[in-house]
């Protein structure tokens, strides 16, 4: 079977999405996304139209590497804020705020920030852990 390059490469084509920003009620602190959803006060679900694209494997690895640091004792430190901001700058192609840059991202409030976090790819995929019985079978 011949090699099909297209199925192994990350598409850099952008697509439109609706980003839901849930703004909780200032009175009862319930949000429209909750089961009890505040319908009588001022909670709302803002929808922001974005154009997004995926991050290629190598670029994601570069961002992960730049987000990790080791101290003199050999302990690693993870900068999740840096990782999220760099990924969002790669993922968001078009937005109503124009450019997604550090200047914008450092001003984002909690509600929009929580919604934007849903666009950030996981930095580390949990590896499949084997049960003790599966390990014994392999021995």
Protein backbone atom coordinates (compact mmCIF):
# COMPACT_ATOMS: atom_id res chain seq x y z
CA UNK A 1 0.00 0.00 0.00
CA UNK A 2 1.50 3.38 -0.97
CA UNK A 3 2.23 6.01 1.65
CA UNK A 4 -0.54 8.61 1.96
CA UNK A 5 1.07 11.78 3.23
CA UNK A 6 -2.17 13.70 3.70
CA UNK A 7 -3.50 11.44 6.43
CA UNK A 8 -0.37 11.91 8.57
CA UNK A 9 -0.01 15.68 8.39
CA UNK A 10 -1.84 18.23 10.53
CA UNK A 11 -4.17 20.32 8.43
CA UNK A 12 -3.32 24.01 8.67
CA UNK A 13 -6.73 24.95 7.33
CA UNK A 14 -8.71 27.13 9.66
CA UNK A 15 -12.33 26.46 10.52
CA UNK A 16 -15.04 28.51 12.19
CA UNK A 17 -16.19 27.80 15.74
CA UNK A 18 -18.52 29.36 18.27
CA UNK A 19 -16.74 29.93 21.58
CA UNK A 20 -19.25 29.99 24.44
CA UNK A 21 -18.33 32.34 27.27
CA UNK A 22 -20.48 31.65 30.30
CA UNK A 23 -20.93 34.70 32.47
CA UNK A 24 -22.37 33.80 35.88
CA UNK A 25 -25.12 35.76 37.53
CA UNK A 26 -23.95 38.57 39.79
CA UNK A 27 -26.87 37.91 42.15
CA UNK A 28 -27.00 34.15 42.72
CA UNK A 29 -23.62 33.25 41.12
CA UNK A 30 -25.30 30.55 39.02
CA UNK A 31 -24.53 30.35 35.34
CA UNK A 32 -26.55 29.47 32.29
CA UNK A 33 -24.40 26.35 31.81
CA UNK A 34 -25.36 24.91 35.20
CA UNK A 35 -28.35 22.64 35.70
CA UNK A 36 -29.98 25.26 37.92
CA UNK A 37 -29.07 28.01 35.43
CA UNK A 38 -29.99 31.53 36.46
CA UNK A 39 -32.86 32.57 34.26
CA UNK A 40 -34.22 35.33 36.46
CA UNK A 41 -31.15 37.51 36.89
CA UNK A 42 -28.28 38.44 34.56
CA UNK A 43 -26.33 35.27 33.74
CA UNK A 44 -25.68 34.84 30.07
CA UNK A 45 -23.93 32.79 27.46
CA UNK A 46 -21.96 35.04 25.09
CA UNK A 47 -21.00 33.46 21.79
CA UNK A 48 -17.78 34.62 20.13
CA UNK A 49 -17.13 33.60 16.54
CA UNK A 50 -13.53 32.48 16.00
CA UNK A 51 -11.50 30.95 13.22
CA UNK A 52 -9.10 28.31 14.60
CA UNK A 53 -6.62 25.71 13.38
CA UNK A 54 -4.67 22.87 14.93
CA UNK A 55 -1.07 22.99 16.06
CA UNK A 56 1.38 20.67 14.31
CA UNK A 57 3.10 18.07 16.49
CA UNK A 58 6.55 19.65 16.21
CA UNK A 59 5.35 23.16 17.07
CA UNK A 60 3.44 21.83 20.09
CA UNK A 61 6.61 20.03 21.22
CA UNK A 62 8.58 23.28 20.89
CA UNK A 63 6.06 25.09 23.09
CA UNK A 64 6.16 22.26 25.65
CA UNK A 65 9.96 22.42 25.72
CA UNK A 66 9.92 26.18 26.22
CA UNK A 67 7.39 25.75 29.06
CA UNK A 68 9.64 23.41 31.03
CA UNK A 69 12.61 24.51 33.11
CA UNK A 70 14.95 22.69 35.46
CA UNK A 71 16.54 24.17 38.55
CA UNK A 72 20.01 23.41 39.87
CA UNK A 73 18.62 20.48 41.91
CA UNK A 74 17.27 18.85 38.75
CA UNK A 75 13.64 19.55 39.61
CA UNK A 76 11.40 20.49 36.72
CA UNK A 77 9.04 23.44 36.72
CA UNK A 78 6.06 23.75 34.38
CA UNK A 79 4.89 27.16 33.18
CA UNK A 80 1.28 26.41 32.28
CA UNK A 81 0.49 30.07 31.66
CA UNK A 82 3.22 30.34 29.02
CA UNK A 83 2.06 27.07 27.42
CA UNK A 84 -1.58 28.21 27.22
CA UNK A 85 -0.73 31.66 25.84
CA UNK A 86 1.64 30.30 23.17
CA UNK A 87 -0.88 27.66 22.09
CA UNK A 88 -3.70 30.20 21.86
CA UNK A 89 -1.53 32.44 19.69
CA UNK A 90 -1.04 29.48 17.33
CA UNK A 91 -4.63 28.18 17.42
CA UNK A 92 -6.65 31.39 17.00
CA UNK A 93 -6.42 32.66 13.43
CA UNK A 94 -9.22 35.25 13.48
CA UNK A 95 -11.05 36.80 16.41
CA UNK A 96 -13.15 39.92 17.04
CA UNK A 97 -10.29 41.36 19.12
CA UNK A 98 -8.02 41.20 16.01
CA UNK A 99 -4.61 39.91 17.12
CA UNK A 100 -4.27 37.23 19.78
CA UNK A 101 -1.03 38.31 21.41
CA UNK A 102 0.44 38.57 24.90
CA UNK A 103 -0.87 42.11 25.31
CA UNK A 104 -4.44 40.89 24.74
CA UNK A 105 -4.11 37.60 26.66
CA UNK A 106 -2.70 39.33 29.76
CA UNK A 107 -5.92 41.38 29.98
CA UNK A 108 -8.41 38.51 29.61
CA UNK A 109 -10.87 38.04 32.50
CA UNK A 110 -11.84 34.79 34.19
CA UNK A 111 -14.95 34.06 32.10
CA UNK A 112 -13.26 34.48 28.70
CA UNK A 113 -10.11 32.81 30.03
CA UNK A 114 -12.04 29.71 31.05
CA UNK A 115 -13.57 29.52 27.57
CA UNK A 116 -10.20 30.03 25.85
CA UNK A 117 -8.67 27.23 27.93
CA UNK A 118 -10.94 24.79 26.10
CA UNK A 119 -8.99 25.57 22.91
CA UNK A 120 -5.58 24.71 24.40
CA UNK A 121 -4.42 21.19 23.51
CA UNK A 122 -3.31 18.96 26.37
CA UNK A 123 0.41 19.21 26.87
CA UNK A 124 0.87 15.64 27.99
CA UNK A 125 -1.25 12.68 27.01
CA UNK A 126 -1.67 10.20 29.81
CA UNK A 127 -0.08 6.96 28.74
CA UNK A 128 -2.15 3.84 28.98
CA UNK A 129 -1.35 2.16 32.24
CA UNK A 130 -1.36 -1.57 32.40
CA UNK A 131 -2.98 -3.56 35.15
CA UNK A 132 -0.77 -5.90 37.22
CA UNK A 133 -2.46 -8.87 35.48
CA UNK A 134 -1.49 -7.52 32.05
CA UNK A 135 2.11 -6.99 33.16
CA UNK A 136 2.28 -10.57 34.51
CA UNK A 137 1.04 -11.91 31.17
CA UNK A 138 3.92 -10.22 29.38
CA UNK A 139 6.47 -11.76 31.78
